[in-house]
Amino acid sequence: MRALPHRLPRPPRSPLLRQAMLLGAALLAVVLGASAHAGPVLDQVKARHSVRVCIWPDYYGVTFRNPRTRQLSGIDIDLSAELGRDLQMKVEYVESSFATLVQDLKADRCDAGMFAIGMTRERMEHLKFTRPYLASGIYGITTKSNPVVRQWSDIDKPGVLVGVQAGTFMGPAMAELLKHAKVVTVTPPATRERELEGGRVDVFMTDYPYSRRLLDNADWARLVAPPQPVHVLPYAYAVKPGDEAWLKALDDFVARIQRDGRLDAAASRNGLREIVIR
């Protein structure tokens, strides 16, 4: 992996991480507000002796499949393995994405989404979440040669095309934030990188983990950081509604790894310690 002369600015610590924790707690209270009813998921997991984990295999540092070796790596690959050990069950990975996670969980393709899922109100209308364990704001990525966007203040101007990945929280966040630039939703098989390199967008928005991928691996990439943190969002694990016992099992797991150091260790191995919620 190529070392670059510049470093990512550290994502927000206190008090912004505390704000993210409070937001996560408030959102979690909404999620858990309904009466608890045991459902079939926990029983199915026990009967199979395996837990099916939905991942997005293009999420660098979180759940990333190396295109050459086909090996999975990232904080939630490490932590899902810890979940399997805690439950004494096999872990099976199911490919998903932010755009399809709700459908994948509700269609019973997987038992839990474990790929740093932002706790947006829209997602919380359809899914249940554990307590948050990471938090990140929004960053921009452009090319080193792009003459249009040189700094954050260049983004919200007439004619600027701002790419966002379909299904991510960056879409609605930027649609609300930007008054003059145009938001361009990038839907697979198209990628934000190809749209940027092809000149079809001037900049694309991402979070701390994904921005590391570009800066670590792409010679052409340049970070556009906001002067102040933008839209800091807590990340958690997600399940479908209807099985509070299964949600509690996952929430208890997150509480354990926050206490016993496994979360910190996994975050350190994958370059994400700066955005951990303890």
Protein backbone atom coordinates (compact mmCIF):
# COMPACT_ATOMS: atom_id res chain seq x y z
CA MET A 1 0.00 0.00 0.00
CA ARG A 2 1.44 3.36 -1.01
CA ALA A 3 2.20 5.90 1.67
CA LEU A 4 0.90 9.37 0.88
CA PRO A 5 2.38 12.64 2.12
CA HIS A 6 -0.92 13.94 3.43
CA ARG A 7 -3.08 12.59 6.22
CA LEU A 8 -6.78 12.60 6.70
CA PRO A 9 -7.90 15.23 9.17
CA ARG A 10 -9.05 13.54 12.32
CA PRO A 11 -12.80 13.16 12.47
CA PRO A 12 -14.54 14.94 15.30
CA ARG A 13 -13.76 13.95 18.85
CA SER A 14 -15.45 15.48 21.88
CA PRO A 15 -17.84 17.22 21.98
CA LEU A 16 -18.97 16.07 18.52
CA LEU A 17 -18.52 12.39 19.24
CA ARG A 18 -20.49 12.93 22.42
CA GLN A 19 -23.18 14.58 20.31
CA ALA A 20 -23.18 11.55 18.02
CA MET A 21 -23.49 9.27 21.02
CA LEU A 22 -26.41 11.30 22.33
CA LEU A 23 -28.05 11.24 18.90
CA GLY A 24 -27.53 7.50 18.70
CA ALA A 25 -29.02 7.03 22.15
CA ALA A 26 -32.02 9.19 21.26
CA LEU A 27 -32.59 7.32 18.02
CA LEU A 28 -32.17 4.01 19.83
CA ALA A 29 -34.82 5.06 22.32
CA VAL A 30 -37.20 5.62 19.41
CA VAL A 31 -36.34 2.22 18.00
CA LEU A 32 -36.87 0.43 21.31
CA GLY A 33 -40.00 2.37 22.19
CA ALA A 34 -42.38 -0.30 20.94
CA SER A 35 -43.24 -3.22 23.20
CA ALA A 36 -40.80 -6.10 22.96
CA HIS A 37 -42.00 -9.25 21.24
CA ALA A 38 -39.78 -12.26 20.70
CA GLY A 39 -39.62 -13.29 17.03
CA PRO A 40 -38.28 -16.14 14.95
CA VAL A 41 -34.80 -14.85 14.09
CA LEU A 42 -33.00 -15.84 17.29
CA ASP A 43 -34.60 -19.31 17.19
CA GLN A 44 -33.58 -19.72 13.53
CA VAL A 45 -30.02 -18.65 14.29
CA LYS A 46 -29.81 -21.18 17.12
CA ALA A 47 -31.33 -23.93 14.99
CA ARG A 48 -28.87 -23.34 12.12
CA HIS A 49 -25.90 -22.88 14.46
CA SER A 50 -24.91 -20.02 12.17
CA VAL A 51 -25.51 -16.30 11.83
CA ARG A 52 -25.89 -14.78 8.38
CA VAL A 53 -24.30 -11.34 8.22
CA CYS A 54 -25.10 -8.87 5.46
CA ILE A 55 -22.05 -6.89 4.33
CA TRP A 56 -21.22 -4.40 1.61
CA PRO A 57 -17.97 -5.84 0.20
CA ASP A 58 -16.80 -2.50 -1.22
CA TYR A 59 -16.52 -0.70 2.14
CA TYR A 60 -12.83 -0.13 2.75
CA GLY A 61 -11.75 -0.62 6.36
CA VAL A 62 -15.21 -1.96 7.25
CA THR A 63 -16.21 -4.95 5.07
CA PHE A 64 -13.90 -4.91 2.04
CA ARG A 65 -13.19 -7.71 -0.44
CA ASN A 66 -9.73 -7.37 -1.95
CA PRO A 67 -10.22 -7.50 -5.74
CA ARG A 68 -7.02 -9.49 -6.23
CA THR A 69 -7.08 -11.99 -3.36
CA ARG A 70 -10.89 -12.03 -2.84
CA GLN A 71 -10.22 -11.99 0.91
CA LEU A 72 -12.52 -10.04 3.21
CA SER A 73 -11.09 -7.58 5.72
CA GLY A 74 -12.21 -4.66 7.86
CA ILE A 75 -13.48 -3.82 11.31
CA ASP A 76 -16.82 -5.57 10.85
CA ILE A 77 -15.24 -8.68 9.37
CA ASP A 78 -13.17 -8.88 12.56
CA LEU A 79 -16.10 -8.06 14.85
CA SER A 80 -18.57 -10.39 13.13
CA ALA A 81 -16.02 -13.16 13.72
CA GLU A 82 -16.03 -12.15 17.40
CA LEU A 83 -19.82 -12.33 17.39
CA GLY A 84 -19.62 -15.86 16.02
CA ARG A 85 -17.18 -16.81 18.75
CA ASP A 86 -19.38 -15.30 21.45
CA LEU A 87 -22.43 -17.13 20.14
CA GLN A 88 -20.41 -20.28 19.34
CA MET A 89 -21.79 -20.21 15.82
CA LYS A 90 -20.52 -20.13 12.27
CA VAL A 91 -20.63 -16.77 10.45
CA GLU A 92 -21.92 -16.70 6.86
CA TYR A 93 -21.51 -13.54 4.80
CA VAL A 94 -24.22 -12.30 2.44
CA GLU A 95 -23.44 -9.51 -0.04
CA SER A 96 -25.69 -6.50 0.37
CA SER A 97 -25.47 -2.71 0.08
CA PHE A 98 -26.90 0.40 1.67
CA ALA A 99 -29.51 0.55 -1.08
CA THR A 100 -30.71 -3.05 -0.60
CA LEU A 101 -30.16 -3.70 3.13
CA VAL A 102 -33.76 -3.08 4.22
CA GLN A 103 -35.06 -5.46 1.58
CA ASP A 104 -32.35 -8.05 2.32
CA LEU A 105 -33.15 -8.12 6.04
CA LYS A 106 -36.91 -8.16 5.61
CA ALA A 107 -36.67 -10.89 2.94
CA ASP A 108 -34.68 -13.01 5.43
CA ARG A 109 -31.55 -13.11 3.29
CA CYS A 110 -29.49 -12.34 6.39
CA ASP A 111 -29.94 -12.08 10.14
CA ALA A 112 -28.04 -8.83 10.74
CA GLY A 113 -26.47 -5.99 8.80
CA MET A 114 -22.92 -5.43 10.04
CA PHE A 115 -21.19 -2.82 7.89
CA ALA A 116 -21.16 0.46 9.79
CA ILE A 117 -24.77 1.39 8.99
CA GLY A 118 -25.64 5.02 9.58
CA MET A 119 -28.59 5.48 11.94
CA THR A 120 -30.72 7.68 9.71
CA ARG A 121 -34.36 8.33 10.56
CA GLU A 122 -35.39 6.86 7.21
CA ARG A 123 -33.65 3.55 7.95
CA MET A 124 -35.03 3.53 11.47
CA GLU A 125 -38.55 3.54 10.06
CA HIS A 126 -37.82 0.07 8.66
CA LEU A 127 -35.07 -1.49 10.80
CA LYS A 128 -33.99 -1.88 14.42
CA PHE A 129 -30.51 -0.80 15.53
CA THR A 130 -28.05 -1.68 18.26
CA ARG A 131 -26.27 1.00 20.24
CA PRO A 132 -23.79 2.91 17.99
CA TYR A 133 -20.11 1.99 17.91
CA LEU A 134 -18.67 4.41 15.29
CA ALA A 135 -19.46 7.96 14.11
CA SER A 136 -18.34 9.85 11.02
CA GLY A 137 -19.02 13.09 9.20
CA ILE A 138 -18.98 13.76 5.45
CA TYR A 139 -15.88 14.41 3.32
CA GLY A 140 -15.40 15.20 -0.36
CA ILE A 141 -13.15 13.43 -2.85
CA THR A 142 -12.06 14.99 -6.12
CA THR A 143 -9.13 14.62 -8.52
CA LYS A 144 -5.85 16.43 -8.07
CA SER A 145 -6.32 18.03 -11.48
CA ASN A 146 -9.93 19.15 -11.01
CA PRO A 147 -10.05 22.93 -11.59
CA VAL A 148 -13.62 23.37 -10.29
CA VAL A 149 -13.39 22.10 -6.70
CA ARG A 150 -10.24 23.04 -4.79
CA GLN A 151 -11.75 23.48 -1.32
CA TRP A 152 -15.04 22.87 0.49
CA SER A 153 -16.42 26.33 -0.30
CA ASP A 154 -16.16 25.54 -4.03
CA ILE A 155 -18.71 22.74 -3.83
CA ASP A 156 -22.01 24.58 -3.43
CA LYS A 157 -21.85 26.67 -6.60
CA PRO A 158 -23.98 26.68 -9.75
CA GLY A 159 -22.92 24.05 -12.25
CA VAL A 160 -20.98 21.88 -9.79
CA LEU A 161 -21.98 18.19 -9.94
CA VAL A 162 -21.78 16.38 -6.59
CA GLY A 163 -21.85 12.57 -6.65
CA VAL A 164 -23.42 10.49 -3.88
CA GLN A 165 -23.72 6.70 -3.62
CA ALA A 166 -27.30 5.44 -3.95
CA GLY A 167 -28.73 4.39 -0.61
CA THR A 168 -26.20 6.19 1.58
CA PHE A 169 -27.04 8.97 4.01
CA MET A 170 -24.93 11.38 1.95
CA GLY A 171 -27.73 11.68 -0.62
CA PRO A 172 -30.43 13.27 1.56
CA ALA A 173 -27.80 15.09 3.64
CA MET A 174 -26.29 16.84 0.61
CA ALA A 175 -29.69 17.47 -0.98
CA GLU A 176 -30.59 19.41 2.15
CA LEU A 177 -27.24 21.14 2.53
CA LEU A 178 -26.56 22.24 -1.05
CA LYS A 179 -28.46 25.24 -2.43
CA HIS A 180 -26.74 25.75 -5.80
CA ALA A 181 -24.82 22.59 -6.79
CA LYS A 182 -26.57 19.57 -8.30
CA VAL A 183 -26.61 16.22 -6.49
CA VAL A 184 -25.96 13.24 -8.80
CA THR A 185 -26.98 9.82 -7.45
CA VAL A 186 -24.58 7.06 -8.53
CA THR A 187 -26.25 3.67 -8.84
CA PRO A 188 -24.37 0.36 -9.39
CA PRO A 189 -22.82 -0.86 -11.60
CA ALA A 190 -21.58 2.73 -11.94
CA THR A 191 -19.16 3.84 -9.23
CA ARG A 192 -18.37 7.25 -7.78
CA GLU A 193 -14.73 6.85 -8.74
CA ARG A 194 -15.48 6.16 -12.41
CA GLU A 195 -18.01 8.99 -12.55
CA LEU A 196 -15.40 11.35 -11.10
CA GLU A 197 -12.57 10.19 -13.34
CA GLY A 198 -14.90 10.36 -16.34
CA GLY A 199 -15.79 13.99 -15.58
CA ARG A 200 -19.46 13.26 -14.97
CA VAL A 201 -19.20 14.62 -11.43
CA ASP A 202 -16.78 17.19 -10.00
CA VAL A 203 -16.60 15.76 -6.50
CA PHE A 204 -18.21 12.93 -4.61
CA MET A 205 -19.17 12.71 -0.98
CA THR A 206 -18.17 9.92 1.36
CA ASP A 207 -17.37 9.16 4.99
CA TYR A 208 -14.13 8.69 6.92
CA PRO A 209 -13.60 4.96 6.21
CA TYR A 210 -14.24 5.17 2.47
CA SER A 211 -12.15 8.33 2.07
CA ARG A 212 -9.20 6.38 3.47
CA ARG A 213 -9.52 3.87 0.62
CA LEU A 214 -9.08 6.53 -2.00
CA LEU A 215 -6.21 8.32 -0.27
CA ASP A 216 -4.42 5.05 0.43
CA ASN A 217 -4.78 3.57 -3.05
CA ALA A 218 -5.52 6.18 -5.73
CA ASP A 219 -2.78 8.47 -7.03
CA TRP A 220 -5.35 10.81 -8.53
CA ALA A 221 -7.50 11.34 -5.41
CA ARG A 222 -7.55 14.51 -3.30
CA LEU A 223 -9.45 15.03 -0.06
CA VAL A 224 -11.81 17.99 0.31
CA ALA A 225 -12.42 18.37 4.03
CA PRO A 226 -15.03 20.74 5.49
CA PRO A 227 -13.77 23.51 7.80
CA GLN A 228 -16.16 22.17 10.45
CA PRO A 229 -17.58 18.63 10.74
CA VAL A 230 -20.61 18.10 8.53
CA HIS A 231 -23.51 15.78 9.37
CA VAL A 232 -21.83 13.60 12.00
CA LEU A 233 -23.81 10.35 12.11
CA PRO A 234 -23.61 7.37 14.50
CA TYR A 235 -23.12 3.92 12.96
CA ALA A 236 -24.58 0.69 14.36
CA TYR A 237 -25.69 -2.84 13.44
CA ALA A 238 -29.18 -3.41 12.05
CA VAL A 239 -31.82 -6.15 12.17
CA LYS A 240 -35.38 -6.41 10.91
CA PRO A 241 -38.19 -5.56 13.35
CA GLY A 242 -40.06 -8.19 15.28
CA ASP A 243 -37.45 -9.99 17.38
CA GLU A 244 -36.38 -7.99 20.42
CA ALA A 245 -34.51 -10.98 21.84
CA TRP A 246 -32.24 -11.08 18.79
CA LEU A 247 -31.77 -7.30 18.88
CA LYS A 248 -30.83 -7.54 22.55
CA ALA A 249 -28.29 -10.29 21.82
CA LEU A 250 -26.56 -8.02 19.28
CA ASP A 251 -26.83 -4.96 21.50
CA ASP A 252 -25.29 -6.89 24.39
CA PHE A 253 -22.47 -7.94 22.06
CA VAL A 254 -21.73 -4.30 21.17
CA ALA A 255 -21.72 -3.37 24.85
CA ARG A 256 -19.23 -6.17 25.57
CA ILE A 257 -16.78 -5.23 22.82
CA GLN A 258 -16.91 -1.59 23.92
CA ARG A 259 -16.00 -2.66 27.46
CA ASP A 260 -13.46 -5.41 26.88
CA GLY A 261 -11.26 -3.69 24.28
CA ARG A 262 -12.16 -5.78 21.23
CA LEU A 263 -13.78 -2.79 19.49
CA ASP A 264 -10.71 -0.61 20.04
CA ALA A 265 -8.41 -3.40 18.86
CA ALA A 266 -10.39 -4.03 15.67
CA ALA A 267 -10.63 -0.31 14.95
CA SER A 268 -6.87 0.11 15.42
CA ARG A 269 -6.09 -2.77 13.05
CA ASN A 270 -8.25 -1.17 10.36
CA GLY A 271 -7.32 2.51 10.78
CA LEU A 272 -10.64 3.55 12.33
CA ARG A 273 -9.76 4.12 15.97
CA GLU A 274 -10.37 7.86 15.61
CA ILE A 275 -14.11 7.36 14.99
CA VAL A 276 -14.84 4.77 17.70
CA ILE A 277 -17.66 5.37 20.18
CA ARG A 278 -16.69 3.80 23.49
